[in-house]
C-alpha atoms as a PDB file:
ATOM      1  CA  MET A   1     123.170  89.241 122.355  1.00  0.00           C
ATOM      2  CA  ILE A   2     120.456  89.974 119.778  1.00  0.00           C
ATOM      3  CA  PRO A   3     121.017  88.288 116.383  1.00  0.00           C
ATOM      4  CA  LEU A   4     119.471  89.857 113.284  1.00  0.00           C
ATOM      5  CA  PHE A   5     119.438  87.775 110.097  1.00  0.00           C
ATOM      6  CA  ILE A   6     119.099  89.618 106.757  1.00  0.00           C
ATOM      7  CA  VAL A   7     117.568  87.378 104.071  1.00  0.00           C
ATOM      8  CA  SER A   8     116.131  87.473 100.554  1.00  0.00           C
ATOM      9  CA  ASN A   9     114.851  84.958  98.029  1.00  0.00           C
ATOM     10  CA  ARG A  10     117.333  85.842  95.273  1.00  0.00           C
ATOM     11  CA  GLY A  11     120.834  87.211  94.877  1.00  0.00           C
ATOM     12  CA  TYR A  12     121.793  90.871  94.499  1.00  0.00           C
ATOM     13  CA  SER A  13     118.710  92.114  96.326  1.00  0.00           C
ATOM     14  CA  GLY A  14     120.680  94.376  98.655  1.00  0.00           C
ATOM     15  CA  LYS A  15     121.328  92.303 101.785  1.00  0.00           C
ATOM     16  CA  ASN A  16     124.843  93.708 102.207  1.00  0.00           C
ATOM     17  CA  PHE A  17     123.496  97.214 101.655  1.00  0.00           C
ATOM     18  CA  ILE A  18     121.039  96.803 104.549  1.00  0.00           C
ATOM     19  CA  ALA A  19     123.559  94.938 106.734  1.00  0.00           C
ATOM     20  CA  ILE A  20     126.198  97.651 106.322  1.00  0.00           C
ATOM     21  CA  GLY A  21     123.646 100.336 107.094  1.00  0.00           C
ATOM     22  CA  ILE A  22     122.427  98.632 110.276  1.00  0.00           C
ATOM     23  CA  VAL A  23     125.914  97.762 111.552  1.00  0.00           C
ATOM     24  CA  SER A  24     127.377 101.203 110.940  1.00  0.00           C
ATOM     25  CA  LYS A  25     124.434 103.049 112.513  1.00  0.00           C
ATOM     26  CA  LEU A  26     124.322 100.798 115.578  1.00  0.00           C
ATOM     27  CA  MET A  27     128.059 101.349 116.032  1.00  0.00           C
ATOM     28  CA  GLU A  28     127.575 105.110 115.770  1.00  0.00           C
ATOM     29  CA  LEU A  29     124.973 104.844 118.547  1.00  0.00           C
ATOM     30  CA  GLY A  30     127.567 103.199 120.799  1.00  0.00           C
ATOM     31  CA  TYR A  31     126.437  99.577 120.583  1.00  0.00           C
ATOM     32  CA  ASN A  32     128.908  96.691 120.469  1.00  0.00           C
ATOM     33  CA  VAL A  33     128.037  95.140 117.098  1.00  0.00           C
ATOM     34  CA  GLY A  34     129.229  92.032 115.299  1.00  0.00           C
ATOM     35  CA  TYR A  35     128.819  91.131 111.642  1.00  0.00           C
ATOM     36  CA  MET A  36     129.139  87.852 109.812  1.00  0.00           C
ATOM     37  CA  LYS A  37     128.459  86.378 106.405  1.00  0.00           C
ATOM     38  CA  PRO A  38     128.142  82.667 107.195  1.00  0.00           C
ATOM     39  CA  ILE A  39     128.142  81.353 103.616  1.00  0.00           C
ATOM     40  CA  SER A  40     130.219  82.739 100.754  1.00  0.00           C
ATOM     41  CA  LYS A  41     129.956  82.045  97.034  1.00  0.00           C
ATOM     42  CA  THR A  42     132.316  84.897  96.081  1.00  0.00           C
ATOM     43  CA  ALA A  43     135.325  83.562  97.902  1.00  0.00           C
ATOM     44  CA  VAL A  44     138.791  85.010  97.392  1.00  0.00           C
ATOM     45  CA  LYS A  45     142.160  84.092  98.816  1.00  0.00           C
ATOM     46  CA  GLU A  46     143.618  86.127 101.636  1.00  0.00           C
ATOM     47  CA  GLY A  47     146.961  84.655 102.530  1.00  0.00           C
ATOM     48  CA  LYS A  48     146.522  80.888 102.728  1.00  0.00           C
ATOM     49  CA  ASP A  49     142.826  81.054 103.549  1.00  0.00           C
ATOM     50  CA  ILE A  50     139.640  81.691 101.552  1.00  0.00           C
ATOM     51  CA  PHE A  51     137.039  84.215 102.689  1.00  0.00           C
ATOM     52  CA  ASP A  52     134.071  86.081 101.290  1.00  0.00           C
ATOM     53  CA  ALA A  53     135.068  89.094  99.175  1.00  0.00           C
ATOM     54  CA  ASP A  54     132.245  91.280 100.510  1.00  0.00           C
ATOM     55  CA  ALA A  55     133.044  90.312 104.089  1.00  0.00           C
ATOM     56  CA  ILE A  56     136.703  91.266 103.611  1.00  0.00           C
ATOM     57  CA  PHE A  57     135.663  94.699 102.366  1.00  0.00           C
ATOM     58  CA  ILE A  58     133.118  95.208 105.162  1.00  0.00           C
ATOM     59  CA  LYS A  59     135.618  94.218 107.866  1.00  0.00           C
ATOM     60  CA  LYS A  60     138.076  96.830 106.617  1.00  0.00           C
ATOM     61  CA  ALA A  61     135.488  99.508 105.850  1.00  0.00           C
ATOM     62  CA  LEU A  62     133.806  99.286 109.261  1.00  0.00           C
ATOM     63  CA  SER A  63     137.020  98.514 111.221  1.00  0.00           C
ATOM     64  CA  LEU A  64     135.609  95.286 112.656  1.00  0.00           C
ATOM     65  CA  ARG A  65     137.915  93.644 115.208  1.00  0.00           C
ATOM     66  CA  GLU A  66     136.949  90.016 114.722  1.00  0.00           C
ATOM     67  CA  PRO A  67     139.239  87.798 112.578  1.00  0.00           C
ATOM     68  CA  MET A  68     138.090  86.825 109.103  1.00  0.00           C
ATOM     69  CA  ASN A  69     137.429  83.196 110.061  1.00  0.00           C
ATOM     70  CA  ILE A  70     134.711  84.510 112.405  1.00  0.00           C
ATOM     71  CA  ILE A  71     133.237  87.034 109.979  1.00  0.00           C
ATOM     72  CA  SER A  72     133.366  84.609 107.038  1.00  0.00           C
ATOM     73  CA  PRO A  73     133.443  81.079 108.515  1.00  0.00           C
ATOM     74  CA  PHE A  74     132.515  79.017 105.443  1.00  0.00           C
ATOM     75  CA  ALA A  75     133.353  79.569 101.779  1.00  0.00           C
ATOM     76  CA  MET A  76     131.597  77.597  99.052  1.00  0.00           C
ATOM     77  CA  SER A  77     134.566  77.550  96.674  1.00  0.00           C
ATOM     78  CA  TYR A  78     134.897  75.345  93.596  1.00  0.00           C
ATOM     79  CA  GLU A  79     137.077  72.977  95.603  1.00  0.00           C
ATOM     80  CA  THR A  80     134.447  72.810  98.338  1.00  0.00           C
ATOM     81  CA  GLN A  81     131.761  71.875  95.821  1.00  0.00           C
ATOM     82  CA  ILE A  82     133.917  69.033  94.480  1.00  0.00           C
ATOM     83  CA  VAL A  83     134.508  67.762  98.019  1.00  0.00           C
ATOM     84  CA  GLN A  84     130.772  68.096  98.742  1.00  0.00           C
ATOM     85  CA  LEU A  85     129.932  65.795  95.828  1.00  0.00           C
ATOM     86  CA  ARG A  86     132.253  63.225  97.374  1.00  0.00           C
ATOM     87  CA  ASP A  87     130.315  63.609 100.631  1.00  0.00           C
ATOM     88  CA  LYS A  88     133.452  64.753 102.458  1.00  0.00           C
ATOM     89  CA  VAL A  89     132.488  68.239 103.634  1.00  0.00           C
ATOM     90  CA  LYS A  90     132.523  68.004 107.407  1.00  0.00           C
ATOM     91  CA  ASN A  91     131.411  70.347 110.181  1.00  0.00           C
ATOM     92  CA  ALA A  92     130.216  73.209 107.965  1.00  0.00           C
ATOM     93  CA  ASN A  93     127.352  73.920 110.347  1.00  0.00           C
ATOM     94  CA  LYS A  94     129.623  73.708 113.408  1.00  0.00           C
ATOM     95  CA  LYS A  95     132.097  76.211 111.912  1.00  0.00           C
ATOM     96  CA  ILE A  96     129.327  78.731 111.414  1.00  0.00           C
ATOM     97  CA  ILE A  97     127.660  78.240 114.799  1.00  0.00           C
ATOM     98  CA  ASP A  98     131.026  78.339 116.609  1.00  0.00           C
ATOM     99  CA  ALA A  99     131.846  81.620 114.831  1.00  0.00           C
ATOM    100  CA  PHE A 100     128.453  82.969 115.810  1.00  0.00           C
ATOM    101  CA  TYR A 101     128.916  82.172 119.506  1.00  0.00           C
ATOM    102  CA  PHE A 102     132.433  83.622 119.428  1.00  0.00           C
ATOM    103  CA  MET A 103     130.603  86.978 119.326  1.00  0.00           C
ATOM    104  CA  LYS A 104     128.163  86.149 122.132  1.00  0.00           C
ATOM    105  CA  ASP A 105     129.233  89.234 124.123  1.00  0.00           C
ATOM    106  CA  LYS A 106     128.007  91.608 121.396  1.00  0.00           C
ATOM    107  CA  ASP A 107     124.880  93.710 121.864  1.00  0.00           C
ATOM    108  CA  TYR A 108     123.817  92.858 118.311  1.00  0.00           C
ATOM    109  CA  ILE A 109     125.051  90.462 115.638  1.00  0.00           C
ATOM    110  CA  VAL A 110     123.990  91.225 112.057  1.00  0.00           C
ATOM    111  CA  ILE A 111     124.089  88.185 109.775  1.00  0.00           C
ATOM    112  CA  SER A 112     124.011  88.661 106.002  1.00  0.00           C
ATOM    113  CA  GLY A 113     122.324  85.603 104.549  1.00  0.00           C
ATOM    114  CA  PRO A 114     123.052  83.687 101.338  1.00  0.00           C
ATOM    115  CA  ALA A 115     121.429  84.308  97.935  1.00  0.00           C
ATOM    116  CA  ASP A 116     118.195  82.557  98.916  1.00  0.00           C
ATOM    117  CA  LEU A 117     116.646  80.807 101.884  1.00  0.00           C
ATOM    118  CA  LEU A 118     117.561  77.266 100.800  1.00  0.00           C
ATOM    119  CA  GLU A 119     121.136  77.749  99.625  1.00  0.00           C
ATOM    120  CA  GLY A 120     123.394  75.420 101.630  1.00  0.00           C
ATOM    121  CA  SER A 121     120.565  73.101 102.699  1.00  0.00           C
ATOM    122  CA  MET A 122     122.497  69.984 101.601  1.00  0.00           C
ATOM    123  CA  LEU A 123     125.092  70.874 104.222  1.00  0.00           C
ATOM    124  CA  GLY A 124     122.625  71.966 106.877  1.00  0.00           C
ATOM    125  CA  ILE A 125     123.699  75.614 106.627  1.00  0.00           C
ATOM    126  CA  ASP A 126     120.748  77.162 104.789  1.00  0.00           C
ATOM    127  CA  ALA A 127     119.252  80.372 106.150  1.00  0.00           C
ATOM    128  CA  LEU A 128     116.190  78.709 107.675  1.00  0.00           C
ATOM    129  CA  THR A 129     118.325  76.221 109.625  1.00  0.00           C
ATOM    130  CA  LEU A 130     120.736  78.899 110.836  1.00  0.00           C
ATOM    131  CA  ILE A 131     117.900  81.249 111.846  1.00  0.00           C
ATOM    132  CA  ASN A 132     116.447  78.507 114.052  1.00  0.00           C
ATOM    133  CA  GLU A 133     119.780  77.517 115.573  1.00  0.00           C
ATOM    134  CA  MET A 134     120.798  81.117 116.242  1.00  0.00           C
ATOM    135  CA  GLN A 135     117.284  82.082 117.389  1.00  0.00           C
ATOM    136  CA  ALA A 136     117.729  85.109 115.146  1.00  0.00           C
ATOM    137  CA  TYR A 137     115.213  87.759 114.216  1.00  0.00           C
ATOM    138  CA  VAL A 138     114.668  88.234 110.484  1.00  0.00           C
ATOM    139  CA  ILE A 139     114.435  91.131 108.042  1.00  0.00           C
ATOM    140  CA  PHE A 140     113.567  90.312 104.430  1.00  0.00           C
ATOM    141  CA  VAL A 141     115.084  92.419 101.619  1.00  0.00           C
ATOM    142  CA  GLU A 142     113.166  92.475  98.352  1.00  0.00           C
ATOM    143  CA  ALA A 143     114.487  94.028  95.159  1.00  0.00           C
ATOM    144  CA  TRP A 144     111.321  95.477  93.643  1.00  0.00           C
ATOM    145  CA  LYS A 145     109.965  93.456  90.730  1.00  0.00           C
ATOM    146  CA  GLY A 146     106.380  94.675  90.676  1.00  0.00           C
ATOM    147  CA  VAL A 147     103.361  93.834  92.771  1.00  0.00           C
ATOM    148  CA  THR A 148     104.580  90.251  93.215  1.00  0.00           C
ATOM    149  CA  SER A 149     107.204  91.703  95.560  1.00  0.00           C
ATOM    150  CA  MET A 150     104.398  92.101  98.090  1.00  0.00           C
ATOM    151  CA  ASP A 151     103.872  88.329  97.997  1.00  0.00           C
ATOM    152  CA  SER A 152     107.550  87.724  98.783  1.00  0.00           C
ATOM    153  CA  VAL A 153     107.656  90.141 101.726  1.00  0.00           C
ATOM    154  CA  TYR A 154     104.344  88.806 103.073  1.00  0.00           C
ATOM    155  CA  GLY A 155     104.918  85.112 102.431  1.00  0.00           C
ATOM    156  CA  ILE A 156     108.257  84.819 104.227  1.00  0.00           C
ATOM    157  CA  GLN A 157     106.480  84.973 107.598  1.00  0.00           C
ATOM    158  CA  LYS A 158     104.987  81.538 106.847  1.00  0.00           C
ATOM    159  CA  LEU A 159     108.523  80.097 106.817  1.00  0.00           C
ATOM    160  CA  VAL A 160     110.079  82.140 109.610  1.00  0.00           C
ATOM    161  CA  GLY A 161     107.161  82.550 111.992  1.00  0.00           C
ATOM    162  CA  ASP A 162     107.251  84.842 115.004  1.00  0.00           C
ATOM    163  CA  ARG A 163     110.892  85.779 114.469  1.00  0.00           C
ATOM    164  CA  TYR A 164     110.015  87.678 111.303  1.00  0.00           C
ATOM    165  CA  LEU A 165     110.230  91.421 112.007  1.00  0.00           C
ATOM    166  CA  GLY A 166     109.387  92.836 108.585  1.00  0.00           C
ATOM    167  CA  GLY A 167     110.764  93.794 105.217  1.00  0.00           C
ATOM    168  CA  VAL A 168     112.562  96.315 103.059  1.00  0.00           C
ATOM    169  CA  PHE A 169     111.720  97.210  99.470  1.00  0.00           C
ATOM    170  CA  ASN A 170     114.926  97.969  97.580  1.00  0.00           C
ATOM    171  CA  LYS A 171     115.844  99.114  94.059  1.00  0.00           C
ATOM    172  CA  VAL A 172     112.454 100.694  93.423  1.00  0.00           C
ATOM    173  CA  PRO A 173     112.409 102.685  90.147  1.00  0.00           C
ATOM    174  CA  MET A 174     112.110 106.405  90.806  1.00  0.00           C
ATOM    175  CA  ASN A 175     108.929 106.770  88.751  1.00  0.00           C
ATOM    176  CA  ILE A 176     106.983 104.416  91.036  1.00  0.00           C
ATOM    177  CA  LEU A 177     108.661 105.292  94.335  1.00  0.00           C
ATOM    178  CA  PRO A 178     105.713 107.450  95.512  1.00  0.00           C
ATOM    179  CA  TYR A 179     103.308 104.587  94.732  1.00  0.00           C
ATOM    180  CA  VAL A 180     105.348 102.100  96.796  1.00  0.00           C
ATOM    181  CA  LYS A 181     105.723 104.517  99.712  1.00  0.00           C
ATOM    182  CA  GLU A 182     102.176 105.864  99.756  1.00  0.00           C
ATOM    183  CA  SER A 183     100.164 102.807  98.696  1.00  0.00           C
ATOM    184  CA  VAL A 184     102.140  99.566  98.969  1.00  0.00           C
ATOM    185  CA  LYS A 185     103.774 100.274 102.332  1.00  0.00           C
ATOM    186  CA  PRO A 186     100.497 101.172 104.135  1.00  0.00           C
ATOM    187  CA  PHE A 187      98.822  98.169 102.507  1.00  0.00           C
ATOM    188  CA  MET A 188     101.506  95.839 103.915  1.00  0.00           C
ATOM    189  CA  GLU A 189     101.448  97.478 107.348  1.00  0.00           C
ATOM    190  CA  LYS A 190      97.662  96.978 107.616  1.00  0.00           C
ATOM    191  CA  ARG A 191      98.284  93.265 107.087  1.00  0.00           C
ATOM    192  CA  GLY A 192     100.801  93.097 109.904  1.00  0.00           C
ATOM    193  CA  ILE A 193     104.012  93.348 107.864  1.00  0.00           C
ATOM    194  CA  LYS A 194     106.297  96.119 109.056  1.00  0.00           C
ATOM    195  CA  ILE A 195     108.194  97.908 106.287  1.00  0.00           C
ATOM    196  CA  PHE A 196     111.410  99.397 107.684  1.00  0.00           C
ATOM    197  CA  GLY A 197     112.463 101.151 104.503  1.00  0.00           C
ATOM    198  CA  VAL A 198     111.733 101.805 100.839  1.00  0.00           C
ATOM    199  CA  PHE A 199     114.864 102.508  98.802  1.00  0.00           C
ATOM    200  CA  HIS A 200     114.937 103.813  95.260  1.00  0.00           C
ATOM    201  CA  LYS A 201     117.126 102.370  92.541  1.00  0.00           C
ATOM    202  CA  ASP A 202     120.381 104.297  92.917  1.00  0.00           C
ATOM    203  CA  LYS A 203     122.613 104.771  89.883  1.00  0.00           C
ATOM    204  CA  PHE A 204     125.726 105.400  91.925  1.00  0.00           C
ATOM    205  CA  LEU A 205     125.369 102.200  93.966  1.00  0.00           C
ATOM    206  CA  GLU A 206     124.829 100.266  90.738  1.00  0.00           C
ATOM    207  CA  SER A 207     127.871 101.810  89.082  1.00  0.00           C
ATOM    208  CA  VAL A 208     130.913  99.737  88.157  1.00  0.00           C
ATOM    209  CA  THR A 209     134.570 100.558  87.739  1.00  0.00           C
ATOM    210  CA  ILE A 210     136.301 100.615  84.368  1.00  0.00           C
ATOM    211  CA  ARG A 211     138.509  97.839  85.736  1.00  0.00           C
ATOM    212  CA  HIS A 212     135.423  95.699  86.358  1.00  0.00           C
ATOM    213  CA  ILE A 213     134.210  96.325  82.813  1.00  0.00           C
ATOM    214  CA  ILE A 214     137.552  95.228  81.363  1.00  0.00           C
ATOM    215  CA  GLU A 215     137.494  92.029  83.421  1.00  0.00           C
ATOM    216  CA  ALA A 216     133.873  91.220  82.514  1.00  0.00           C
ATOM    217  CA  LEU A 217     134.363  91.851  78.796  1.00  0.00           C
ATOM    218  CA  ASN A 218     137.864  90.360  78.671  1.00  0.00           C
ATOM    219  CA  GLY A 219     139.000  93.615  77.104  1.00  0.00           C
ATOM    220  CA  GLY A 220     142.319  95.345  76.614  1.00  0.00           C
ATOM    221  CA  ILE A 221     143.154  98.871  77.747  1.00  0.00           C
ATOM    222  CA  LEU A 222     144.519 101.098  74.975  1.00  0.00           C
ATOM    223  CA  CYS A 223     144.877 104.285  77.015  1.00  0.00           C
ATOM    224  CA  GLY A 224     143.782 105.664  80.372  1.00  0.00           C
ATOM    225  CA  GLU A 225     145.415 103.120  82.672  1.00  0.00           C
ATOM    226  CA  ASP A 226     145.152 105.649  85.505  1.00  0.00           C
ATOM    227  CA  LYS A 227     141.347 105.739  85.134  1.00  0.00           C
ATOM    228  CA  LEU A 228     140.631 102.075  85.914  1.00  0.00           C
ATOM    229  CA  ASP A 229     139.051 102.749  89.298  1.00  0.00           C
ATOM    230  CA  GLU A 230     136.663 105.416  87.963  1.00  0.00           C
ATOM    231  CA  LEU A 231     133.008 104.558  88.624  1.00  0.00           C
ATOM    232  CA  ILE A 232     130.591 104.382  85.685  1.00  0.00           C
ATOM    233  CA  SER A 233     126.808 104.399  85.938  1.00  0.00           C
ATOM    234  CA  ASN A 234     125.714 105.600  82.482  1.00  0.00           C
ATOM    235  CA  PHE A 235     126.108 103.771  79.162  1.00  0.00           C
ATOM    236  CA  MET A 236     125.351 104.979  75.656  1.00  0.00           C
ATOM    237  CA  ILE A 237     125.567 103.234  72.287  1.00  0.00           C
ATOM    238  CA  GLY A 238     127.306 105.146  69.502  1.00  0.00           C
ATOM    239  CA  ALA A 239     125.512 103.947  66.366  1.00  0.00           C
ATOM    240  CA  MET A 240     124.032 107.173  64.992  1.00  0.00           C
ATOM    241  CA  ASP A 241     125.316 109.575  62.339  1.00  0.00           C
ATOM    242  CA  VAL A 242     127.989 111.982  63.516  1.00  0.00           C
ATOM    243  CA  ASP A 243     125.771 115.062  63.046  1.00  0.00           C
ATOM    244  CA  ASN A 244     123.521 113.859  65.876  1.00  0.00           C
ATOM    245  CA  ALA A 245     126.282 112.337  68.010  1.00  0.00           C
ATOM    246  CA  LEU A 246     127.435 115.483  69.836  1.00  0.00           C
ATOM    247  CA  ARG A 247     123.884 116.457  70.789  1.00  0.00           C
ATOM    248  CA  TYR A 248     123.125 112.891  71.866  1.00  0.00           C
ATOM    249  CA  PHE A 249     126.287 112.451  73.947  1.00  0.00           C
ATOM    250  CA  SER A 250     125.916 115.857  75.602  1.00  0.00           C
ATOM    251  CA  ARG A 251     122.737 114.713  77.345  1.00  0.00           C
ATOM    252  CA  VAL A 252     124.579 112.356  79.732  1.00  0.00           C
ATOM    253  CA  SER A 253     127.674 112.964  81.848  1.00  0.00           C
ATOM    254  CA  ASP A 254     130.367 110.607  83.191  1.00  0.00           C
ATOM    255  CA  LYS A 255     129.407 107.864  80.771  1.00  0.00           C
ATOM    256  CA  VAL A 256     130.776 104.956  78.797  1.00  0.00           C
ATOM    257  CA  VAL A 257     130.206 105.025  75.038  1.00  0.00           C
ATOM    258  CA  ILE A 258     130.070 101.678  73.240  1.00  0.00           C
ATOM    259  CA  THR A 259     130.782 101.822  69.523  1.00  0.00           C
ATOM    260  CA  GLY A 260     132.461  99.994  66.680  1.00  0.00           C
ATOM    261  CA  ALA A 261     136.227 100.290  66.364  1.00  0.00           C
ATOM    262  CA  ASN A 262     135.790 101.649  62.830  1.00  0.00           C
ATOM    263  CA  ARG A 263     133.574 104.562  63.983  1.00  0.00           C
ATOM    264  CA  THR A 264     136.351 107.094  64.638  1.00  0.00           C
ATOM    265  CA  ASP A 265     133.873 109.923  64.021  1.00  0.00           C
ATOM    266  CA  ILE A 266     131.691 108.710  66.890  1.00  0.00           C
ATOM    267  CA  GLN A 267     134.734 108.180  69.110  1.00  0.00           C
ATOM    268  CA  LEU A 268     135.927 111.754  68.592  1.00  0.00           C
ATOM    269  CA  ALA A 269     132.436 113.106  69.249  1.00  0.00           C
ATOM    270  CA  ALA A 270     132.257 111.144  72.509  1.00  0.00           C
ATOM    271  CA  ILE A 271     135.676 112.410  73.614  1.00  0.00           C
ATOM    272  CA  GLU A 272     134.490 116.012  73.251  1.00  0.00           C
ATOM    273  CA  THR A 273     131.660 115.442  75.772  1.00  0.00           C
ATOM    274  CA  SER A 274     131.663 114.259  79.396  1.00  0.00           C
ATOM    275  CA  THR A 275     132.867 110.713  78.708  1.00  0.00           C
ATOM    276  CA  LYS A 276     134.951 108.562  81.045  1.00  0.00           C
ATOM    277  CA  CYS A 277     135.497 105.562  78.802  1.00  0.00           C
ATOM    278  CA  ILE A 278     134.976 104.356  75.224  1.00  0.00           C
ATOM    279  CA  ILE A 279     134.522 100.664  74.487  1.00  0.00           C
ATOM    280  CA  LEU A 280     135.592  99.671  70.974  1.00  0.00           C
ATOM    281  CA  THR A 281     133.837  96.531  69.775  1.00  0.00           C
ATOM    282  CA  GLY A 282     134.761  94.095  67.033  1.00  0.00           C
ATOM    283  CA  GLY A 283     138.291  93.257  68.194  1.00  0.00           C
ATOM    284  CA  LEU A 284     139.967  96.142  66.350  1.00  0.00           C
ATOM    285  CA  TYR A 285     141.950  99.183  67.516  1.00  0.00           C
ATOM    286  CA  THR A 286     141.377 102.810  66.656  1.00  0.00           C
ATOM    287  CA  ASN A 287     143.856 105.225  65.066  1.00  0.00           C
ATOM    288  CA  GLU A 288     146.606 107.226  66.758  1.00  0.00           C
ATOM    289  CA  PHE A 289     144.791 110.534  66.463  1.00  0.00           C
ATOM    290  CA  VAL A 290     141.835 109.243  68.493  1.00  0.00           C
ATOM    291  CA  LEU A 291     144.176 107.782  71.126  1.00  0.00           C
ATOM    292  CA  GLU A 292     146.102 111.058  71.420  1.00  0.00           C
ATOM    293  CA  ARG A 293     142.885 113.021  71.775  1.00  0.00           C
ATOM    294  CA  ALA A 294     141.562 110.582  74.390  1.00  0.00           C
ATOM    295  CA  MET A 295     144.765 110.843  76.415  1.00  0.00           C
ATOM    296  CA  ALA A 296     144.619 114.641  76.280  1.00  0.00           C
ATOM    297  CA  LYS A 297     141.018 114.594  77.540  1.00  0.00           C
ATOM    298  CA  GLY A 298     141.558 111.860  80.156  1.00  0.00           C
ATOM    299  CA  VAL A 299     139.268 109.322  78.478  1.00  0.00           C
ATOM    300  CA  ALA A 300     140.039 105.603  78.802  1.00  0.00           C
ATOM    301  CA  ILE A 301     139.675 103.443  75.688  1.00  0.00           C
ATOM    302  CA  ILE A 302     139.028  99.695  75.847  1.00  0.00           C
ATOM    303  CA  ALA A 303     139.059  97.221  72.954  1.00  0.00           C
ATOM    304  CA  VAL A 304     136.869  94.104  73.151  1.00  0.00           C
ATOM    305  CA  SER A 305     136.318  91.238  70.725  1.00  0.00           C
ATOM    306  CA  ASP A 306     132.511  91.189  71.154  1.00  0.00           C
ATOM    307  CA  ASP A 307     130.161  92.963  68.775  1.00  0.00           C
ATOM    308  CA  THR A 308     128.359  96.037  70.103  1.00  0.00           C
ATOM    309  CA  PHE A 309     125.106  94.371  71.120  1.00  0.00           C
ATOM    310  CA  THR A 310     126.853  91.453  72.849  1.00  0.00           C
ATOM    311  CA  ALA A 311     128.944  93.948  74.813  1.00  0.00           C
ATOM    312  CA  VAL A 312     125.799  95.883  75.786  1.00  0.00           C
ATOM    313  CA  ASP A 313     124.119  92.662  76.952  1.00  0.00           C
ATOM    314  CA  LYS A 314     127.109  91.772  79.118  1.00  0.00           C
ATOM    315  CA  ILE A 315     127.197  95.240  80.634  1.00  0.00           C
ATOM    316  CA  ASP A 316     123.477  94.992  81.467  1.00  0.00           C
ATOM    317  CA  THR A 317     124.320  91.785  83.338  1.00  0.00           C
ATOM    318  CA  ILE A 318     127.180  93.493  85.176  1.00  0.00           C
ATOM    319  CA  LEU A 319     124.919  96.320  86.307  1.00  0.00           C
ATOM    320  CA  SER A 320     122.320  93.885  87.658  1.00  0.00           C
ATOM    321  CA  LYS A 321     124.989  92.233  89.828  1.00  0.00           C
ATOM    322  CA  THR A 322     126.957  95.157  91.199  1.00  0.00           C
ATOM    323  CA  ARG A 323     128.440  95.002  94.678  1.00  0.00           C
ATOM    324  CA  ILE A 324     129.330  97.518  97.345  1.00  0.00           C
ATOM    325  CA  ARG A 325     133.096  97.263  97.463  1.00  0.00           C
ATOM    326  CA  GLU A 326     134.211 100.858  96.978  1.00  0.00           C
ATOM    327  CA  GLN A 327     134.683 103.393  99.750  1.00  0.00           C
ATOM    328  CA  GLY A 328     132.650 105.995  97.861  1.00  0.00           C
ATOM    329  CA  LYS A 329     129.701 103.611  97.708  1.00  0.00           C
ATOM    330  CA  LEU A 330     129.950 103.051 101.444  1.00  0.00           C
ATOM    331  CA  CYS A 331     129.356 106.755 102.049  1.00  0.00           C
ATOM    332  CA  ARG A 332     126.326 106.637  99.760  1.00  0.00           C
ATOM    333  CA  VAL A 333     124.956 103.590 101.606  1.00  0.00           C
ATOM    334  CA  LYS A 334     125.109 105.461 104.915  1.00  0.00           C
ATOM    335  CA  GLU A 335     123.473 108.526 103.362  1.00  0.00           C
ATOM    336  CA  LEU A 336     120.540 106.564 101.909  1.00  0.00           C
ATOM    337  CA  PHE A 337     120.191 104.473 105.064  1.00  0.00           C
ATOM    338  CA  ASN A 338     119.918 107.586 107.234  1.00  0.00           C
ATOM    339  CA  GLN A 339     117.199 108.935 104.961  1.00  0.00           C
ATOM    340  CA  GLU A 340     115.033 105.870 104.463  1.00  0.00           C
ATOM    341  CA  PHE A 341     115.536 103.188 107.137  1.00  0.00           C
ATOM    342  CA  ASP A 342     113.538 103.329 110.380  1.00  0.00           C
ATOM    343  CA  LEU A 343     116.292 102.189 112.749  1.00  0.00           C
ATOM    344  CA  LYS A 344     114.593 103.566 115.865  1.00  0.00           C
ATOM    345  CA  ARG A 345     111.592 101.379 115.177  1.00  0.00           C
ATOM    346  CA  LEU A 346     113.807  98.340 114.651  1.00  0.00           C
ATOM    347  CA  ILE A 347     115.730  98.887 117.910  1.00  0.00           C
ATOM    348  CA  LYS A 348     112.494  99.381 119.852  1.00  0.00           C
ATOM    349  CA  ILE A 349     111.096  96.091 118.530  1.00  0.00           C
ATOM    350  CA  LEU A 350     114.308  94.175 119.220  1.00  0.00           C
ATOM    351  CA  LYS A 351     114.446  95.420 122.788  1.00  0.00           C
ATOM    352  CA  GLN A 352     110.868  94.410 123.618  1.00  0.00           C
END
């Protein structure tokens, strides 16, 4: 059994992205692979129990045989936090370690760590503690935030020691991707830090469904109920004069247009271009003609109470915290992973 712990120093860096890629590729190569997410902060109910939402999706998507209490052994729900403050959370560490050893017959176990290295330390289930107890090897995933990302990928070895294998740079803007690949990666390698992959910021992976937008904005659907699971990656604000609107909207396909409920001229212009959804701000509805035209063109319309700029700010937050929970995204993960991740190098190192 070779355990591989995927860590980062902040949430939404791409740990699940890398974990899914490694698990799926190792399985394709014929290895017996286990996966677990020891700590969950996005717990959902499944039957009478609570498990991690990402872990539930990954189990189904990759057809993992292990039961959910092994894949997701500990959920940090609201109730758990209340019990923790009363000092009554018992055996959290034991649950995780027992689940880990349940898969001792696997060739590899890939562990997707919590949001940062210290999360769960009050309960003795932080990443650093679990890495030591599992004797796991470590890959660090860094969402690119400039040259300081080099410090993060380099500095983690001081905490992990000899079990640190190397890092991955993720979500690198396309305009600086060549710089990271041709300058940053060799620079890190010369200093003893292996870089297993450099991944560009991918619009499709950061897309969200119309359903997710409605939930995040607490909106109401006016038409297009059958479009709720459509993925959106492009957003445009409709605040210009109508003469420029058609030209402006024609530049971007498969988009959401955010505009005031009173701007029926902008709404009609958006409908005539490649638009998947219109968000009406200000808490008002549009007129029947716009709704009829939207239904004819297959465009969903959502009404929200926020003003336009508040709605845009919330959507920016949504996009920075997107998750891989759609089958289409899973295919994209595998495609990118095949292109950019040096799995052969990783396997060779793990087998030494």
